[in-house]
Amino acid sequence: MNFDQLTRNLKILLRTNTIIAEIHLRHIAARAGLFAFAALVASFGVVMLGVALFLALEQSMGPIWAAVVVGGGGLFLALIVAIIGATLKPSRELALANQVSQSAMDAVSADLRATQANVASYASLAAVPGLVLPVLTLLSRLFRRRPRA
């Protein structure tokens, strides 16, 4: 039973789980940033290109069809940026951190199994305190000096 090794493995497990959480948070932040940027591009693009395109198409298509074409183009641009954000994958660091975490978890499990085996071997000694008191009482009675009458 090696408590130092168990403690070290628990520290490694905690650290790797912290690294994994940080990587996931960076990944989520990057995706959220790209989605926010997609929303900004979509709104800005719809407004600016919409006005320019609407004015250009209004004379040839009429005001209604010009608005439909402009709105559809803005939505298409937003969809492209959103798809790019959705397909963003986490880095290779995550795979490495998961491997180290699994290794530490295996080591902790092995240490706990060894500790459990050691505790089970000491379980037979649990009866010793119950035997010590009667033996001491018997010995004290045997070696006690009897008062002389």
C-alpha atoms as a PDB file:
ATOM      1  CA  MET A   1       0.000   0.000   0.000  1.00  0.00           C
ATOM      2  CA  ASN A   2       1.743   3.133  -1.227  1.00  0.00           C
ATOM      3  CA  PHE A   3      -0.126   6.280  -0.266  1.00  0.00           C
ATOM      4  CA  ASP A   4       2.424   8.523  -1.987  1.00  0.00           C
ATOM      5  CA  GLN A   5       1.782   6.823  -5.307  1.00  0.00           C
ATOM      6  CA  LEU A   6      -1.984   6.968  -4.749  1.00  0.00           C
ATOM      7  CA  THR A   7      -1.757  10.679  -3.917  1.00  0.00           C
ATOM      8  CA  ARG A   8       0.408  11.338  -6.974  1.00  0.00           C
ATOM      9  CA  ASN A   9      -2.031   9.506  -9.236  1.00  0.00           C
ATOM     10  CA  LEU A  10      -4.980  11.392  -7.775  1.00  0.00           C
ATOM     11  CA  LYS A  11      -3.156  14.688  -8.402  1.00  0.00           C
ATOM     12  CA  ILE A  12      -2.439  13.658 -11.997  1.00  0.00           C
ATOM     13  CA  LEU A  13      -6.069  12.687 -12.461  1.00  0.00           C
ATOM     14  CA  LEU A  14      -7.264  16.016 -11.080  1.00  0.00           C
ATOM     15  CA  ARG A  15      -4.821  17.990 -13.236  1.00  0.00           C
ATOM     16  CA  THR A  16      -5.695  16.144 -16.445  1.00  0.00           C
ATOM     17  CA  ASN A  17      -9.390  16.616 -15.804  1.00  0.00           C
ATOM     18  CA  THR A  18      -8.735  20.324 -15.291  1.00  0.00           C
ATOM     19  CA  ILE A  19      -6.812  20.452 -18.589  1.00  0.00           C
ATOM     20  CA  ILE A  20      -9.639  18.629 -20.364  1.00  0.00           C
ATOM     21  CA  ALA A  21     -12.165  21.100 -18.974  1.00  0.00           C
ATOM     22  CA  GLU A  22     -10.004  24.050 -20.079  1.00  0.00           C
ATOM     23  CA  ILE A  23      -9.691  22.627 -23.593  1.00  0.00           C
ATOM     24  CA  HIS A  24     -13.441  22.115 -23.800  1.00  0.00           C
ATOM     25  CA  LEU A  25     -14.056  25.669 -22.587  1.00  0.00           C
ATOM     26  CA  ARG A  26     -11.645  27.094 -25.174  1.00  0.00           C
ATOM     27  CA  HIS A  27     -13.372  25.062 -27.863  1.00  0.00           C
ATOM     28  CA  ILE A  28     -16.812  26.268 -26.785  1.00  0.00           C
ATOM     29  CA  ALA A  29     -15.562  29.857 -26.610  1.00  0.00           C
ATOM     30  CA  ALA A  30     -14.120  29.628 -30.117  1.00  0.00           C
ATOM     31  CA  ARG A  31     -17.380  28.199 -31.484  1.00  0.00           C
ATOM     32  CA  ALA A  32     -19.427  30.827 -29.682  1.00  0.00           C
ATOM     33  CA  GLY A  33     -17.138  33.533 -31.018  1.00  0.00           C
ATOM     34  CA  LEU A  34     -17.556  32.294 -34.568  1.00  0.00           C
ATOM     35  CA  PHE A  35     -21.327  32.061 -34.168  1.00  0.00           C
ATOM     36  CA  ALA A  36     -21.410  35.599 -32.779  1.00  0.00           C
ATOM     37  CA  PHE A  37     -19.262  36.766 -35.657  1.00  0.00           C
ATOM     38  CA  ALA A  38     -21.595  34.957 -38.064  1.00  0.00           C
ATOM     39  CA  ALA A  39     -24.538  36.805 -36.562  1.00  0.00           C
ATOM     40  CA  LEU A  40     -22.711  40.111 -36.842  1.00  0.00           C
ATOM     41  CA  VAL A  41     -21.712  39.441 -40.444  1.00  0.00           C
ATOM     42  CA  ALA A  42     -25.219  38.333 -41.287  1.00  0.00           C
ATOM     43  CA  SER A  43     -26.844  41.407 -39.819  1.00  0.00           C
ATOM     44  CA  PHE A  44     -24.311  43.827 -41.242  1.00  0.00           C
ATOM     45  CA  GLY A  45     -24.322  42.065 -44.593  1.00  0.00           C
ATOM     46  CA  VAL A  46     -28.090  42.011 -44.776  1.00  0.00           C
ATOM     47  CA  VAL A  47     -28.297  45.685 -44.012  1.00  0.00           C
ATOM     48  CA  MET A  48     -25.504  47.025 -46.204  1.00  0.00           C
ATOM     49  CA  LEU A  49     -25.711  44.681 -49.168  1.00  0.00           C
ATOM     50  CA  GLY A  50     -29.442  44.633 -48.849  1.00  0.00           C
ATOM     51  CA  VAL A  51     -29.754  48.336 -49.300  1.00  0.00           C
ATOM     52  CA  ALA A  52     -27.336  48.424 -52.224  1.00  0.00           C
ATOM     53  CA  LEU A  53     -28.739  45.371 -53.929  1.00  0.00           C
ATOM     54  CA  PHE A  54     -32.294  46.439 -53.309  1.00  0.00           C
ATOM     55  CA  LEU A  55     -31.660  49.769 -54.967  1.00  0.00           C
ATOM     56  CA  ALA A  56     -29.987  48.041 -57.925  1.00  0.00           C
ATOM     57  CA  LEU A  57     -32.692  45.396 -58.387  1.00  0.00           C
ATOM     58  CA  GLU A  58     -35.688  47.550 -57.640  1.00  0.00           C
ATOM     59  CA  GLN A  59     -35.853  49.025 -61.104  1.00  0.00           C
ATOM     60  CA  SER A  60     -35.557  45.727 -62.982  1.00  0.00           C
ATOM     61  CA  MET A  61     -37.507  43.324 -60.680  1.00  0.00           C
ATOM     62  CA  GLY A  62     -39.758  45.536 -58.701  1.00  0.00           C
ATOM     63  CA  PRO A  63     -39.550  46.300 -54.980  1.00  0.00           C
ATOM     64  CA  ILE A  64     -40.951  42.972 -53.700  1.00  0.00           C
ATOM     65  CA  TRP A  65     -38.693  40.591 -55.662  1.00  0.00           C
ATOM     66  CA  ALA A  66     -35.683  42.782 -55.042  1.00  0.00           C
ATOM     67  CA  ALA A  67     -36.289  42.481 -51.263  1.00  0.00           C
ATOM     68  CA  VAL A  68     -36.640  38.661 -51.539  1.00  0.00           C
ATOM     69  CA  VAL A  69     -33.343  38.307 -53.404  1.00  0.00           C
ATOM     70  CA  VAL A  70     -31.494  40.577 -50.969  1.00  0.00           C
ATOM     71  CA  GLY A  71     -32.856  38.783 -47.876  1.00  0.00           C
ATOM     72  CA  GLY A  72     -32.058  35.339 -49.286  1.00  0.00           C
ATOM     73  CA  GLY A  73     -28.459  36.352 -50.026  1.00  0.00           C
ATOM     74  CA  GLY A  74     -27.931  37.590 -46.473  1.00  0.00           C
ATOM     75  CA  LEU A  75     -29.337  34.398 -44.984  1.00  0.00           C
ATOM     76  CA  PHE A  76     -27.146  32.290 -47.268  1.00  0.00           C
ATOM     77  CA  LEU A  77     -24.017  34.135 -46.100  1.00  0.00           C
ATOM     78  CA  ALA A  78     -25.000  33.646 -42.436  1.00  0.00           C
ATOM     79  CA  LEU A  79     -25.567  29.933 -43.060  1.00  0.00           C
ATOM     80  CA  ILE A  80     -22.081  29.506 -44.542  1.00  0.00           C
ATOM     81  CA  VAL A  81     -20.385  31.128 -41.522  1.00  0.00           C
ATOM     82  CA  ALA A  82     -22.530  29.111 -39.079  1.00  0.00           C
ATOM     83  CA  ILE A  83     -21.584  25.845 -40.817  1.00  0.00           C
ATOM     84  CA  ILE A  84     -17.899  26.735 -40.532  1.00  0.00           C
ATOM     85  CA  GLY A  85     -18.374  27.363 -36.798  1.00  0.00           C
ATOM     86  CA  ALA A  86     -20.251  24.082 -36.308  1.00  0.00           C
ATOM     87  CA  THR A  87     -17.538  21.989 -37.981  1.00  0.00           C
ATOM     88  CA  LEU A  88     -14.729  23.393 -35.807  1.00  0.00           C
ATOM     89  CA  LYS A  89     -12.990  20.471 -34.046  1.00  0.00           C
ATOM     90  CA  PRO A  90     -11.053  20.484 -30.751  1.00  0.00           C
ATOM     91  CA  SER A  91      -7.274  20.323 -30.907  1.00  0.00           C
ATOM     92  CA  ARG A  92      -5.036  17.266 -30.570  1.00  0.00           C
ATOM     93  CA  GLU A  93      -4.339  18.311 -26.983  1.00  0.00           C
ATOM     94  CA  LEU A  94      -7.708  16.909 -25.970  1.00  0.00           C
ATOM     95  CA  ALA A  95      -6.825  13.388 -27.127  1.00  0.00           C
ATOM     96  CA  LEU A  96      -3.522  13.503 -25.236  1.00  0.00           C
ATOM     97  CA  ALA A  97      -5.192  14.816 -22.092  1.00  0.00           C
ATOM     98  CA  ASN A  98      -7.825  12.064 -22.312  1.00  0.00           C
ATOM     99  CA  GLN A  99      -5.078   9.420 -22.587  1.00  0.00           C
ATOM    100  CA  VAL A 100      -3.206  10.771 -19.558  1.00  0.00           C
ATOM    101  CA  SER A 101      -6.465  10.981 -17.621  1.00  0.00           C
ATOM    102  CA  GLN A 102      -7.320   7.361 -18.442  1.00  0.00           C
ATOM    103  CA  SER A 103      -3.817   6.258 -17.439  1.00  0.00           C
ATOM    104  CA  ALA A 104      -4.097   8.078 -14.114  1.00  0.00           C
ATOM    105  CA  MET A 105      -7.562   6.604 -13.538  1.00  0.00           C
ATOM    106  CA  ASP A 106      -6.192   3.102 -14.176  1.00  0.00           C
ATOM    107  CA  ALA A 107      -3.305   3.710 -11.776  1.00  0.00           C
ATOM    108  CA  VAL A 108      -5.657   5.004  -9.068  1.00  0.00           C
ATOM    109  CA  SER A 109      -7.906   1.977  -9.543  1.00  0.00           C
ATOM    110  CA  ALA A 110      -4.910  -0.355  -9.216  1.00  0.00           C
ATOM    111  CA  ASP A 111      -3.726   1.472  -6.081  1.00  0.00           C
ATOM    112  CA  LEU A 112      -7.176   1.251  -4.542  1.00  0.00           C
ATOM    113  CA  ARG A 113      -7.379  -2.475  -5.315  1.00  0.00           C
ATOM    114  CA  ALA A 114      -3.973  -2.990  -3.675  1.00  0.00           C
ATOM    115  CA  THR A 115      -5.059  -0.949  -0.668  1.00  0.00           C
ATOM    116  CA  GLN A 116      -8.253  -2.968  -0.413  1.00  0.00           C
ATOM    117  CA  ALA A 117      -6.246  -6.207  -0.496  1.00  0.00           C
ATOM    118  CA  ASN A 118      -3.958  -4.925   2.275  1.00  0.00           C
ATOM    119  CA  VAL A 119      -6.898  -3.859   4.399  1.00  0.00           C
ATOM    120  CA  ALA A 120      -8.499  -7.264   3.885  1.00  0.00           C
ATOM    121  CA  SER A 121      -5.296  -8.954   5.079  1.00  0.00           C
ATOM    122  CA  TYR A 122      -5.406  -6.844   8.253  1.00  0.00           C
ATOM    123  CA  ALA A 123      -9.055  -7.679   8.826  1.00  0.00           C
ATOM    124  CA  SER A 124      -8.070 -10.929  10.495  1.00  0.00           C
ATOM    125  CA  LEU A 125      -6.201  -8.862  13.080  1.00  0.00           C
ATOM    126  CA  ALA A 126      -9.406  -7.019  13.956  1.00  0.00           C
ATOM    127  CA  ALA A 127     -10.257  -9.751  16.460  1.00  0.00           C
ATOM    128  CA  VAL A 128      -7.005  -9.164  18.377  1.00  0.00           C
ATOM    129  CA  PRO A 129      -8.274  -6.221  20.488  1.00  0.00           C
ATOM    130  CA  GLY A 130     -11.201  -8.343  21.591  1.00  0.00           C
ATOM    131  CA  LEU A 131      -8.800 -11.048  22.788  1.00  0.00           C
ATOM    132  CA  VAL A 132      -6.296  -8.775  24.477  1.00  0.00           C
ATOM    133  CA  LEU A 133      -8.555  -7.673  27.334  1.00  0.00           C
ATOM    134  CA  PRO A 134      -9.546 -11.181  28.454  1.00  0.00           C
ATOM    135  CA  VAL A 135      -5.925 -12.364  28.261  1.00  0.00           C
ATOM    136  CA  LEU A 136      -4.704  -9.371  30.272  1.00  0.00           C
ATOM    137  CA  THR A 137      -7.410  -9.950  32.862  1.00  0.00           C
ATOM    138  CA  LEU A 138      -6.421 -13.608  33.181  1.00  0.00           C
ATOM    139  CA  LEU A 139      -2.738 -12.737  33.506  1.00  0.00           C
ATOM    140  CA  SER A 140      -3.417 -10.074  36.074  1.00  0.00           C
ATOM    141  CA  ARG A 141      -5.397 -12.586  38.139  1.00  0.00           C
ATOM    142  CA  LEU A 142      -2.616 -15.150  37.926  1.00  0.00           C
ATOM    143  CA  PHE A 143       0.162 -12.798  38.906  1.00  0.00           C
ATOM    144  CA  ARG A 144      -1.801 -10.864  41.467  1.00  0.00           C
ATOM    145  CA  ARG A 145      -0.520 -11.420  44.893  1.00  0.00           C
ATOM    146  CA  ARG A 146      -3.051 -12.820  47.112  1.00  0.00           C
ATOM    147  CA  PRO A 147      -3.435 -10.916  50.322  1.00  0.00           C
ATOM    148  CA  ARG A 148      -2.066 -12.783  53.284  1.00  0.00           C
ATOM    149  CA  ALA A 149      -4.530 -13.400  55.945  1.00  0.00           C
END
